[in-house]
Amino acid sequence: MSRNLPLRRLLGALVLPAALIGGCNMGTPSSREGRVESLHPDARNEVAEKVGVPFTLTLPGNAGTGYEWVIAGDLPPFLSQRGTPRFVPADSNKVGAGGDSEFVLVASEAGKGVIRFHYLRSWKKDARPARWAEVEVTANTGDQ
């Protein structure tokens, strides 16, 4: 039995961190509210939303690579972000699986503006984006 002790320690050292990392989002529901718009990376997208109704913008990625989607610059003044962006894996049973980054936004008034996203390693000083996406958001009241 003592011959298996090093093997058990090794397995414990490998399995526990993998379970902790892989389980970060396991079983947690998506934060998606209202309408969901999947954006295309390396492209300009357009969406039309209603004032006061939260909507979710998603971008595909893989958090296991160290890259993340971030909003580059400021949001247009009529938009605000609800909470913080989050990554939702496509398969929560696979460590390092790809998935979607979700940004929940809401328009406080009618307006039109552009949001630019960068896919980068934000912890790296002077990180250059590996990908980008833009979305032109038009917010209207329910009357229009």
Protein backbone atom coordinates (compact mmCIF):
# COMPACT_ATOMS: atom_id res chain seq x y z
CA MET A 1 0.00 0.00 0.00
CA SER A 2 2.86 2.40 0.70
CA ARG A 3 4.08 1.91 -2.91
CA ASN A 4 0.86 3.53 -4.18
CA LEU A 5 1.15 6.56 -1.91
CA PRO A 6 3.29 8.64 -4.35
CA LEU A 7 0.86 7.83 -7.17
CA ARG A 8 -2.11 8.89 -5.04
CA ARG A 9 -0.38 12.15 -4.14
CA LEU A 10 0.37 12.83 -7.80
CA LEU A 11 -3.22 12.14 -8.82
CA GLY A 12 -4.49 14.34 -6.02
CA ALA A 13 -2.17 17.13 -7.08
CA LEU A 14 -3.47 16.93 -10.66
CA VAL A 15 -7.15 16.21 -10.14
CA LEU A 16 -7.95 18.78 -7.45
CA PRO A 17 -6.69 21.85 -9.35
CA ALA A 18 -8.36 20.64 -12.55
CA ALA A 19 -11.66 20.20 -10.73
CA LEU A 20 -11.38 23.64 -9.17
CA ILE A 21 -10.51 25.37 -12.43
CA GLY A 22 -13.04 23.47 -14.51
CA GLY A 23 -15.78 23.90 -11.96
CA CYS A 24 -15.64 27.67 -11.81
CA ASN A 25 -18.73 28.10 -13.99
CA MET A 26 -20.19 24.61 -13.72
CA GLY A 27 -23.88 24.60 -13.09
CA THR A 28 -24.18 28.38 -13.08
CA PRO A 29 -26.87 29.72 -15.35
CA SER A 30 -26.05 32.18 -18.07
CA SER A 31 -26.44 35.85 -17.19
CA ARG A 32 -28.27 36.50 -20.45
CA GLU A 33 -31.12 38.93 -20.15
CA GLY A 34 -33.64 40.00 -22.76
CA ARG A 35 -32.46 39.71 -26.33
CA VAL A 36 -29.14 38.04 -27.11
CA GLU A 37 -27.01 39.19 -30.02
CA SER A 38 -24.07 37.02 -31.07
CA LEU A 39 -21.40 39.25 -32.56
CA HIS A 40 -18.96 38.23 -35.27
CA PRO A 41 -15.28 38.81 -34.44
CA ASP A 42 -13.18 40.84 -36.86
CA ALA A 43 -16.32 42.46 -38.25
CA ARG A 44 -18.70 45.35 -37.77
CA ASN A 45 -22.10 44.33 -36.43
CA GLU A 46 -25.37 46.24 -36.03
CA VAL A 47 -28.12 45.80 -33.46
CA ALA A 48 -31.33 47.67 -32.67
CA GLU A 49 -32.59 47.57 -29.10
CA LYS A 50 -35.35 49.11 -27.00
CA VAL A 51 -34.65 51.72 -24.34
CA GLY A 52 -34.81 50.27 -20.83
CA VAL A 53 -34.70 46.62 -21.94
CA PRO A 54 -31.43 44.81 -21.05
CA PHE A 55 -29.75 42.93 -23.89
CA THR A 56 -26.74 40.64 -24.05
CA LEU A 57 -23.90 40.82 -26.55
CA THR A 58 -21.83 37.64 -26.87
CA LEU A 59 -18.45 37.00 -28.44
CA PRO A 60 -16.82 33.58 -28.90
CA GLY A 61 -13.53 32.89 -27.20
CA ASN A 62 -11.56 30.63 -24.92
CA ALA A 63 -10.72 31.86 -21.43
CA GLY A 64 -8.18 29.05 -21.00
CA THR A 65 -5.83 30.78 -23.45
CA GLY A 66 -5.48 33.87 -21.26
CA TYR A 67 -7.32 35.99 -23.83
CA GLU A 68 -10.51 37.82 -22.94
CA TRP A 69 -12.91 40.20 -24.64
CA VAL A 70 -12.90 43.72 -23.19
CA ILE A 71 -14.68 46.91 -24.15
CA ALA A 72 -12.09 49.20 -25.73
CA GLY A 73 -12.69 52.79 -24.67
CA ASP A 74 -15.90 54.22 -23.29
CA LEU A 75 -19.45 53.13 -23.95
CA PRO A 76 -21.69 55.55 -25.80
CA PRO A 77 -23.32 57.85 -23.19
CA PHE A 78 -26.81 56.38 -23.58
CA LEU A 79 -25.58 52.84 -22.75
CA SER A 80 -24.52 51.31 -19.45
CA GLN A 81 -23.18 47.90 -18.58
CA ARG A 82 -24.96 45.69 -16.06
CA GLY A 83 -22.53 43.82 -13.87
CA THR A 84 -19.22 42.57 -15.15
CA PRO A 85 -18.61 40.53 -18.30
CA ARG A 86 -18.48 36.80 -17.78
CA PHE A 87 -17.29 33.78 -19.69
CA VAL A 88 -19.74 30.91 -20.14
CA PRO A 89 -18.10 27.69 -21.41
CA ALA A 90 -19.83 25.79 -24.20
CA ASP A 91 -19.14 22.53 -22.34
CA SER A 92 -18.65 22.95 -18.61
CA ASN A 93 -17.41 19.34 -18.35
CA LYS A 94 -14.26 20.11 -20.34
CA VAL A 95 -11.44 22.10 -18.78
CA GLY A 96 -10.29 24.80 -21.20
CA ALA A 97 -13.39 24.54 -23.41
CA GLY A 98 -14.33 27.44 -25.64
CA GLY A 99 -17.49 29.41 -25.02
CA ASP A 100 -18.94 32.90 -25.04
CA SER A 101 -18.05 36.12 -23.28
CA GLU A 102 -21.26 37.91 -22.31
CA PHE A 103 -21.79 41.64 -21.88
CA VAL A 104 -25.18 42.75 -20.54
CA LEU A 105 -26.08 46.31 -21.51
CA VAL A 106 -29.09 48.60 -21.27
CA ALA A 107 -29.94 51.87 -23.00
CA SER A 108 -31.18 54.69 -20.78
CA GLU A 109 -32.40 56.80 -23.69
CA ALA A 110 -32.66 56.74 -27.48
CA GLY A 111 -29.36 57.02 -29.29
CA LYS A 112 -26.89 55.58 -31.74
CA GLY A 113 -23.28 54.70 -31.04
CA VAL A 114 -20.46 52.22 -31.60
CA ILE A 115 -18.91 49.83 -29.11
CA ARG A 116 -15.49 48.37 -29.92
CA PHE A 117 -14.29 45.14 -28.34
CA HIS A 118 -10.71 43.83 -28.17
CA TYR A 119 -9.67 40.21 -27.59
CA LEU A 120 -6.42 40.38 -25.68
CA ARG A 121 -4.44 39.32 -22.66
CA SER A 122 -5.41 42.28 -20.49
CA TRP A 123 -2.85 41.41 -17.81
CA LYS A 124 -0.02 41.96 -20.29
CA LYS A 125 1.37 45.47 -20.34
CA ASP A 126 0.87 47.09 -23.75
CA ALA A 127 -1.11 44.06 -24.97
CA ARG A 128 -2.18 44.25 -28.58
CA PRO A 129 -5.54 42.76 -29.50
CA ALA A 130 -5.46 39.45 -31.34
CA ARG A 131 -9.01 40.10 -32.61
CA TRP A 132 -11.58 42.87 -32.55
CA ALA A 133 -15.29 43.40 -33.04
CA GLU A 134 -17.47 46.46 -33.41
CA VAL A 135 -21.18 46.84 -32.95
CA GLU A 136 -23.30 49.83 -33.85
CA VAL A 137 -26.13 50.00 -31.32
CA THR A 138 -29.32 51.89 -32.13
CA ALA A 139 -31.64 52.33 -29.16
CA ASN A 140 -35.22 53.40 -29.71
CA THR A 141 -38.20 53.92 -27.46
CA GLY A 142 -41.04 51.43 -27.88
CA ASP A 143 -42.96 54.08 -29.91
CA GLN A 144 -40.53 54.05 -32.83
